[in-house]
């Protein structure tokens, strides 16, 4: 009985430590879960993706085949992506976008079409300590570049948990893709463009890393540079 209770407690703690990102924040309002964000396979289990070569590494929606509404947001304004709790684990964040040729509801995000618009990296001081500003926050907010062209986009949240990333495949990726219609856009050319999956091998120093010992002297954020327009 005692062992069973311990096992149950461990399971509950593990589940509580995981999270999804089911909502956007537009015009200061958090949208209901899975209305403007494609429902991910882990909407119940909250289990992460660990294979960066998997097709599910893009939007994690192969099992749900979701249909969602596209929400309008103006270029140059602030938007956000919210979790169903907090970003529990130490790690970093990347936000990518990809422009659809037409209706984003029919857009899979194939090919080298993704660019990074926001990131939260780790903070190091040469080996004495490492801190993760994304840890413990409920979500992220960022400003869409004013130069972002008008059109419909996928916006992809990627929170990378690094607490057991010291072995290959140990990094945990918490992912979701929202659908936005960008208006009042500019004439910028977003880039550099990358494919997802394809952007990572899993061997990047910011993905395959022991954050506990020895304490890293620096941290290299995975992925391309942020496009600010």
C-alpha atoms as a PDB file:
ATOM      1  CA  UNK A   1       0.000   0.000   0.000  1.00  0.00           C
ATOM      2  CA  UNK A   2       2.800   2.406   0.943  1.00  0.00           C
ATOM      3  CA  UNK A   3       4.663   1.730  -2.309  1.00  0.00           C
ATOM      4  CA  UNK A   4       1.443   2.252  -4.274  1.00  0.00           C
ATOM      5  CA  UNK A   5       0.864   5.575  -2.555  1.00  0.00           C
ATOM      6  CA  UNK A   6       4.414   6.674  -3.357  1.00  0.00           C
ATOM      7  CA  UNK A   7       3.990   5.654  -6.988  1.00  0.00           C
ATOM      8  CA  UNK A   8       0.710   7.564  -7.233  1.00  0.00           C
ATOM      9  CA  UNK A   9       2.275  10.644  -5.647  1.00  0.00           C
ATOM     10  CA  UNK A  10       5.175  10.483  -8.075  1.00  0.00           C
ATOM     11  CA  UNK A  11       2.781  10.183 -11.019  1.00  0.00           C
ATOM     12  CA  UNK A  12       0.712  13.148  -9.861  1.00  0.00           C
ATOM     13  CA  UNK A  13       3.840  15.262  -9.340  1.00  0.00           C
ATOM     14  CA  UNK A  14       5.122  14.306 -12.772  1.00  0.00           C
ATOM     15  CA  UNK A  15       1.838  15.166 -14.478  1.00  0.00           C
ATOM     16  CA  UNK A  16       1.628  18.467 -12.628  1.00  0.00           C
ATOM     17  CA  UNK A  17       5.100  19.340 -13.873  1.00  0.00           C
ATOM     18  CA  UNK A  18       3.997  19.175 -17.511  1.00  0.00           C
ATOM     19  CA  UNK A  19       1.986  21.736 -19.456  1.00  0.00           C
ATOM     20  CA  UNK A  20       0.350  22.697 -22.718  1.00  0.00           C
ATOM     21  CA  UNK A  21      -0.095  26.038 -24.475  1.00  0.00           C
ATOM     22  CA  UNK A  22      -3.761  26.168 -25.507  1.00  0.00           C
ATOM     23  CA  UNK A  23      -4.475  29.917 -25.612  1.00  0.00           C
ATOM     24  CA  UNK A  24      -3.396  33.105 -27.341  1.00  0.00           C
ATOM     25  CA  UNK A  25      -3.515  36.617 -25.949  1.00  0.00           C
ATOM     26  CA  UNK A  26      -4.843  39.192 -28.420  1.00  0.00           C
ATOM     27  CA  UNK A  27      -5.827  42.775 -27.563  1.00  0.00           C
ATOM     28  CA  UNK A  28      -5.168  41.998 -23.919  1.00  0.00           C
ATOM     29  CA  UNK A  29      -7.639  39.100 -23.800  1.00  0.00           C
ATOM     30  CA  UNK A  30      -6.703  35.467 -23.302  1.00  0.00           C
ATOM     31  CA  UNK A  31      -8.639  33.285 -25.705  1.00  0.00           C
ATOM     32  CA  UNK A  32     -10.411  30.100 -24.542  1.00  0.00           C
ATOM     33  CA  UNK A  33      -8.382  26.904 -24.729  1.00  0.00           C
ATOM     34  CA  UNK A  34      -8.048  25.308 -28.165  1.00  0.00           C
ATOM     35  CA  UNK A  35     -10.206  27.888 -29.948  1.00  0.00           C
ATOM     36  CA  UNK A  36      -7.389  29.684 -31.796  1.00  0.00           C
ATOM     37  CA  UNK A  37      -4.697  27.093 -31.044  1.00  0.00           C
ATOM     38  CA  UNK A  38      -4.627  23.691 -32.731  1.00  0.00           C
ATOM     39  CA  UNK A  39      -5.365  21.082 -30.089  1.00  0.00           C
ATOM     40  CA  UNK A  40      -2.218  19.079 -29.438  1.00  0.00           C
ATOM     41  CA  UNK A  41      -1.965  15.324 -28.963  1.00  0.00           C
ATOM     42  CA  UNK A  42      -1.036  15.888 -25.322  1.00  0.00           C
ATOM     43  CA  UNK A  43      -4.087  17.981 -24.409  1.00  0.00           C
ATOM     44  CA  UNK A  44      -4.895  15.368 -21.755  1.00  0.00           C
ATOM     45  CA  UNK A  45      -1.530  13.803 -20.925  1.00  0.00           C
ATOM     46  CA  UNK A  46       0.617  16.961 -21.230  1.00  0.00           C
ATOM     47  CA  UNK A  47       3.460  14.698 -22.384  1.00  0.00           C
ATOM     48  CA  UNK A  48       6.236  16.502 -24.282  1.00  0.00           C
ATOM     49  CA  UNK A  49       7.806  15.801 -27.666  1.00  0.00           C
ATOM     50  CA  UNK A  50      11.376  14.538 -27.403  1.00  0.00           C
ATOM     51  CA  UNK A  51      12.131  13.540 -31.024  1.00  0.00           C
ATOM     52  CA  UNK A  52      13.110  16.669 -32.959  1.00  0.00           C
ATOM     53  CA  UNK A  53      12.851  14.761 -36.256  1.00  0.00           C
ATOM     54  CA  UNK A  54       9.243  13.703 -35.689  1.00  0.00           C
ATOM     55  CA  UNK A  55       6.443  15.178 -37.792  1.00  0.00           C
ATOM     56  CA  UNK A  56       4.800  16.039 -34.475  1.00  0.00           C
ATOM     57  CA  UNK A  57       7.684  18.341 -33.678  1.00  0.00           C
ATOM     58  CA  UNK A  58       5.943  20.989 -35.797  1.00  0.00           C
ATOM     59  CA  UNK A  59       2.495  21.389 -34.233  1.00  0.00           C
ATOM     60  CA  UNK A  60       2.023  18.117 -32.299  1.00  0.00           C
ATOM     61  CA  UNK A  61      -1.457  17.574 -33.722  1.00  0.00           C
ATOM     62  CA  UNK A  62      -1.291  14.338 -35.740  1.00  0.00           C
ATOM     63  CA  UNK A  63      -3.837  12.562 -33.552  1.00  0.00           C
ATOM     64  CA  UNK A  64      -6.305  15.389 -32.996  1.00  0.00           C
ATOM     65  CA  UNK A  65      -6.644  16.675 -36.597  1.00  0.00           C
ATOM     66  CA  UNK A  66      -7.923  19.952 -35.129  1.00  0.00           C
ATOM     67  CA  UNK A  67     -10.114  22.620 -36.671  1.00  0.00           C
ATOM     68  CA  UNK A  68      -9.745  26.035 -35.046  1.00  0.00           C
ATOM     69  CA  UNK A  69     -10.652  29.664 -35.633  1.00  0.00           C
ATOM     70  CA  UNK A  70      -8.147  32.206 -36.919  1.00  0.00           C
ATOM     71  CA  UNK A  71      -7.914  35.371 -34.833  1.00  0.00           C
ATOM     72  CA  UNK A  72      -6.973  38.802 -36.164  1.00  0.00           C
ATOM     73  CA  UNK A  73      -4.039  40.734 -34.761  1.00  0.00           C
ATOM     74  CA  UNK A  74      -2.315  43.856 -36.064  1.00  0.00           C
ATOM     75  CA  UNK A  75       1.361  43.950 -36.965  1.00  0.00           C
ATOM     76  CA  UNK A  76       3.345  46.020 -34.489  1.00  0.00           C
ATOM     77  CA  UNK A  77       1.104  45.124 -31.556  1.00  0.00           C
ATOM     78  CA  UNK A  78       1.622  42.835 -28.596  1.00  0.00           C
ATOM     79  CA  UNK A  79       0.306  39.298 -28.509  1.00  0.00           C
ATOM     80  CA  UNK A  80       0.908  36.332 -26.265  1.00  0.00           C
ATOM     81  CA  UNK A  81       0.748  32.572 -25.854  1.00  0.00           C
ATOM     82  CA  UNK A  82      -0.446  31.152 -22.536  1.00  0.00           C
ATOM     83  CA  UNK A  83      -0.006  27.804 -20.816  1.00  0.00           C
ATOM     84  CA  UNK A  84      -2.572  25.867 -18.825  1.00  0.00           C
ATOM     85  CA  UNK A  85      -0.540  26.564 -15.689  1.00  0.00           C
ATOM     86  CA  UNK A  86       3.063  27.659 -15.642  1.00  0.00           C
ATOM     87  CA  UNK A  87       6.269  26.763 -17.457  1.00  0.00           C
ATOM     88  CA  UNK A  88       7.317  24.514 -14.612  1.00  0.00           C
ATOM     89  CA  UNK A  89      10.714  23.258 -15.784  1.00  0.00           C
ATOM     90  CA  UNK A  90      13.981  25.183 -16.200  1.00  0.00           C
ATOM     91  CA  UNK A  91      14.500  25.879 -19.867  1.00  0.00           C
ATOM     92  CA  UNK A  92      14.170  28.311 -22.728  1.00  0.00           C
ATOM     93  CA  UNK A  93      11.517  29.495 -25.183  1.00  0.00           C
ATOM     94  CA  UNK A  94      11.370  30.069 -28.914  1.00  0.00           C
ATOM     95  CA  UNK A  95       8.392  31.454 -30.854  1.00  0.00           C
ATOM     96  CA  UNK A  96       8.284  30.797 -34.594  1.00  0.00           C
ATOM     97  CA  UNK A  97       5.883  31.943 -37.313  1.00  0.00           C
ATOM     98  CA  UNK A  98       5.158  30.723 -40.836  1.00  0.00           C
ATOM     99  CA  UNK A  99       3.093  32.523 -43.482  1.00  0.00           C
ATOM    100  CA  UNK A 100       0.388  30.609 -45.347  1.00  0.00           C
ATOM    101  CA  UNK A 101      -0.136  31.200 -49.051  1.00  0.00           C
ATOM    102  CA  UNK A 102      -3.880  31.376 -48.436  1.00  0.00           C
ATOM    103  CA  UNK A 103      -6.126  30.117 -45.650  1.00  0.00           C
ATOM    104  CA  UNK A 104      -3.946  29.143 -42.693  1.00  0.00           C
ATOM    105  CA  UNK A 105      -6.480  26.464 -41.737  1.00  0.00           C
ATOM    106  CA  UNK A 106      -5.280  24.504 -44.783  1.00  0.00           C
ATOM    107  CA  UNK A 107      -1.603  25.215 -44.122  1.00  0.00           C
ATOM    108  CA  UNK A 108       0.653  22.439 -42.810  1.00  0.00           C
ATOM    109  CA  UNK A 109       3.843  24.473 -42.511  1.00  0.00           C
ATOM    110  CA  UNK A 110       5.885  22.259 -44.836  1.00  0.00           C
ATOM    111  CA  UNK A 111       9.331  23.293 -45.998  1.00  0.00           C
ATOM    112  CA  UNK A 112      11.648  26.147 -45.052  1.00  0.00           C
ATOM    113  CA  UNK A 113       8.926  28.628 -44.143  1.00  0.00           C
ATOM    114  CA  UNK A 114       9.475  29.241 -40.414  1.00  0.00           C
ATOM    115  CA  UNK A 115      11.195  32.237 -38.837  1.00  0.00           C
ATOM    116  CA  UNK A 116      11.769  33.143 -35.205  1.00  0.00           C
ATOM    117  CA  UNK A 117      10.081  36.225 -33.754  1.00  0.00           C
ATOM    118  CA  UNK A 118      10.833  35.858 -30.042  1.00  0.00           C
ATOM    119  CA  UNK A 119      12.973  33.965 -27.585  1.00  0.00           C
ATOM    120  CA  UNK A 120      13.760  33.719 -23.892  1.00  0.00           C
ATOM    121  CA  UNK A 121      17.233  32.346 -23.337  1.00  0.00           C
ATOM    122  CA  UNK A 122      19.249  31.324 -20.282  1.00  0.00           C
ATOM    123  CA  UNK A 123      21.411  33.719 -18.269  1.00  0.00           C
ATOM    124  CA  UNK A 124      24.934  32.636 -17.338  1.00  0.00           C
ATOM    125  CA  UNK A 125      27.860  34.299 -15.602  1.00  0.00           C
ATOM    126  CA  UNK A 126      30.844  32.261 -16.702  1.00  0.00           C
ATOM    127  CA  UNK A 127      30.215  29.122 -14.691  1.00  0.00           C
ATOM    128  CA  UNK A 128      29.070  30.247 -11.242  1.00  0.00           C
ATOM    129  CA  UNK A 129      25.349  30.060 -11.987  1.00  0.00           C
ATOM    130  CA  UNK A 130      22.760  29.565 -14.694  1.00  0.00           C
ATOM    131  CA  UNK A 131      19.243  31.015 -14.543  1.00  0.00           C
ATOM    132  CA  UNK A 132      16.178  30.489 -16.705  1.00  0.00           C
ATOM    133  CA  UNK A 133      13.891  33.539 -16.862  1.00  0.00           C
ATOM    134  CA  UNK A 134      11.168  31.472 -18.594  1.00  0.00           C
ATOM    135  CA  UNK A 135      10.846  29.120 -15.632  1.00  0.00           C
ATOM    136  CA  UNK A 136       7.675  29.622 -13.617  1.00  0.00           C
ATOM    137  CA  UNK A 137       5.928  32.097 -15.919  1.00  0.00           C
ATOM    138  CA  UNK A 138       2.406  31.341 -17.218  1.00  0.00           C
ATOM    139  CA  UNK A 139       3.182  32.258 -20.811  1.00  0.00           C
ATOM    140  CA  UNK A 140       4.925  34.743 -23.044  1.00  0.00           C
ATOM    141  CA  UNK A 141       4.069  38.091 -24.573  1.00  0.00           C
ATOM    142  CA  UNK A 142       5.939  39.699 -27.436  1.00  0.00           C
ATOM    143  CA  UNK A 143       5.498  42.396 -30.049  1.00  0.00           C
ATOM    144  CA  UNK A 144       4.798  41.356 -33.599  1.00  0.00           C
ATOM    145  CA  UNK A 145       7.255  43.151 -35.883  1.00  0.00           C
ATOM    146  CA  UNK A 146       5.660  46.182 -37.537  1.00  0.00           C
ATOM    147  CA  UNK A 147       7.304  45.079 -40.802  1.00  0.00           C
ATOM    148  CA  UNK A 148       5.536  41.701 -40.716  1.00  0.00           C
ATOM    149  CA  UNK A 149       3.580  41.392 -43.998  1.00  0.00           C
ATOM    150  CA  UNK A 150      -0.192  41.184 -43.918  1.00  0.00           C
ATOM    151  CA  UNK A 151      -1.497  37.637 -44.197  1.00  0.00           C
ATOM    152  CA  UNK A 152      -2.392  34.494 -42.299  1.00  0.00           C
ATOM    153  CA  UNK A 153       0.210  32.725 -40.173  1.00  0.00           C
ATOM    154  CA  UNK A 154       0.865  29.831 -37.895  1.00  0.00           C
ATOM    155  CA  UNK A 155       2.499  30.995 -34.665  1.00  0.00           C
ATOM    156  CA  UNK A 156       4.350  28.192 -32.902  1.00  0.00           C
ATOM    157  CA  UNK A 157       5.226  28.105 -29.228  1.00  0.00           C
ATOM    158  CA  UNK A 158       8.247  26.015 -28.238  1.00  0.00           C
ATOM    159  CA  UNK A 159       9.233  25.716 -24.593  1.00  0.00           C
ATOM    160  CA  UNK A 160      12.332  23.536 -24.175  1.00  0.00           C
ATOM    161  CA  UNK A 161      12.662  21.918 -20.745  1.00  0.00           C
ATOM    162  CA  UNK A 162      16.308  21.143 -19.961  1.00  0.00           C
ATOM    163  CA  UNK A 163      16.192  19.508 -16.538  1.00  0.00           C
ATOM    164  CA  UNK A 164      17.091  16.051 -17.959  1.00  0.00           C
ATOM    165  CA  UNK A 165      18.771  17.176 -21.185  1.00  0.00           C
ATOM    166  CA  UNK A 166      22.179  15.714 -20.370  1.00  0.00           C
ATOM    167  CA  UNK A 167      21.510  12.690 -22.607  1.00  0.00           C
ATOM    168  CA  UNK A 168      20.397  12.680 -26.251  1.00  0.00           C
ATOM    169  CA  UNK A 169      16.608  12.873 -26.446  1.00  0.00           C
ATOM    170  CA  UNK A 170      16.329  14.105 -22.880  1.00  0.00           C
ATOM    171  CA  UNK A 171      15.253  17.654 -23.700  1.00  0.00           C
ATOM    172  CA  UNK A 172      11.474  18.017 -23.530  1.00  0.00           C
ATOM    173  CA  UNK A 173       9.646  20.201 -26.054  1.00  0.00           C
ATOM    174  CA  UNK A 174       6.250  21.667 -25.167  1.00  0.00           C
ATOM    175  CA  UNK A 175       4.681  22.854 -28.409  1.00  0.00           C
ATOM    176  CA  UNK A 176       1.534  24.350 -29.865  1.00  0.00           C
ATOM    177  CA  UNK A 177       0.506  26.231 -33.019  1.00  0.00           C
ATOM    178  CA  UNK A 178      -1.994  29.082 -33.095  1.00  0.00           C
ATOM    179  CA  UNK A 179      -3.619  30.611 -36.168  1.00  0.00           C
ATOM    180  CA  UNK A 180      -3.517  34.375 -36.675  1.00  0.00           C
ATOM    181  CA  UNK A 181      -4.589  36.784 -39.392  1.00  0.00           C
ATOM    182  CA  UNK A 182      -2.100  39.666 -39.405  1.00  0.00           C
ATOM    183  CA  UNK A 183      -3.494  43.018 -40.602  1.00  0.00           C
ATOM    184  CA  UNK A 184      -1.913  46.455 -41.104  1.00  0.00           C
ATOM    185  CA  UNK A 185       1.309  44.699 -42.026  1.00  0.00           C
ATOM    186  CA  UNK A 186       4.541  46.056 -43.434  1.00  0.00           C
ATOM    187  CA  UNK A 187       6.868  45.156 -46.272  1.00  0.00           C
ATOM    188  CA  UNK A 188       9.546  43.226 -44.412  1.00  0.00           C
ATOM    189  CA  UNK A 189      11.135  39.962 -45.495  1.00  0.00           C
ATOM    190  CA  UNK A 190      11.142  37.595 -42.517  1.00  0.00           C
ATOM    191  CA  UNK A 191      14.127  35.302 -42.093  1.00  0.00           C
ATOM    192  CA  UNK A 192      16.274  33.366 -41.877  1.00  0.00           C
ATOM    193  CA  UNK A 193      13.774  30.677 -42.860  1.00  0.00           C
ATOM    194  CA  UNK A 194      14.032  27.143 -41.476  1.00  0.00           C
ATOM    195  CA  UNK A 195      12.098  23.906 -41.758  1.00  0.00           C
ATOM    196  CA  UNK A 196      10.338  22.336 -38.776  1.00  0.00           C
ATOM    197  CA  UNK A 197      11.207  19.538 -38.280  1.00  0.00           C
ATOM    198  CA  UNK A 198      14.714  20.048 -39.591  1.00  0.00           C
ATOM    199  CA  UNK A 199      15.741  23.101 -37.618  1.00  0.00           C
ATOM    200  CA  UNK A 200      17.449  20.945 -34.955  1.00  0.00           C
ATOM    201  CA  UNK A 201      19.360  17.664 -34.858  1.00  0.00           C
ATOM    202  CA  UNK A 202      19.096  17.235 -31.093  1.00  0.00           C
ATOM    203  CA  UNK A 203      22.855  17.583 -30.689  1.00  0.00           C
ATOM    204  CA  UNK A 204      22.881  21.385 -30.469  1.00  0.00           C
ATOM    205  CA  UNK A 205      24.735  22.643 -27.378  1.00  0.00           C
ATOM    206  CA  UNK A 206      21.570  24.366 -26.169  1.00  0.00           C
ATOM    207  CA  UNK A 207      19.555  21.126 -26.427  1.00  0.00           C
ATOM    208  CA  UNK A 208      22.020  18.402 -25.385  1.00  0.00           C
ATOM    209  CA  UNK A 209      23.292  19.969 -22.174  1.00  0.00           C
ATOM    210  CA  UNK A 210      23.788  19.244 -18.491  1.00  0.00           C
ATOM    211  CA  UNK A 211      22.543  22.355 -16.716  1.00  0.00           C
ATOM    212  CA  UNK A 212      23.389  21.013 -13.246  1.00  0.00           C
ATOM    213  CA  UNK A 213      27.055  19.961 -13.196  1.00  0.00           C
ATOM    214  CA  UNK A 214      29.367  21.341 -14.213  1.00  0.00           C
ATOM    215  CA  UNK A 215      27.418  24.584 -14.441  1.00  0.00           C
ATOM    216  CA  UNK A 216      27.637  25.786 -18.059  1.00  0.00           C
ATOM    217  CA  UNK A 217      29.868  28.792 -18.612  1.00  0.00           C
ATOM    218  CA  UNK A 218      27.586  29.980 -21.411  1.00  0.00           C
ATOM    219  CA  UNK A 219      24.394  29.003 -23.185  1.00  0.00           C
ATOM    220  CA  UNK A 220      23.705  28.920 -26.928  1.00  0.00           C
ATOM    221  CA  UNK A 221      20.045  29.406 -27.823  1.00  0.00           C
ATOM    222  CA  UNK A 222      18.870  26.811 -30.364  1.00  0.00           C
ATOM    223  CA  UNK A 223      17.569  27.930 -33.733  1.00  0.00           C
ATOM    224  CA  UNK A 224      18.057  30.943 -35.983  1.00  0.00           C
ATOM    225  CA  UNK A 225      18.353  34.561 -34.921  1.00  0.00           C
ATOM    226  CA  UNK A 226      15.172  36.420 -34.010  1.00  0.00           C
ATOM    227  CA  UNK A 227      13.695  38.417 -36.902  1.00  0.00           C
ATOM    228  CA  UNK A 228      12.662  41.807 -35.581  1.00  0.00           C
ATOM    229  CA  UNK A 229      11.784  43.400 -38.913  1.00  0.00           C
END
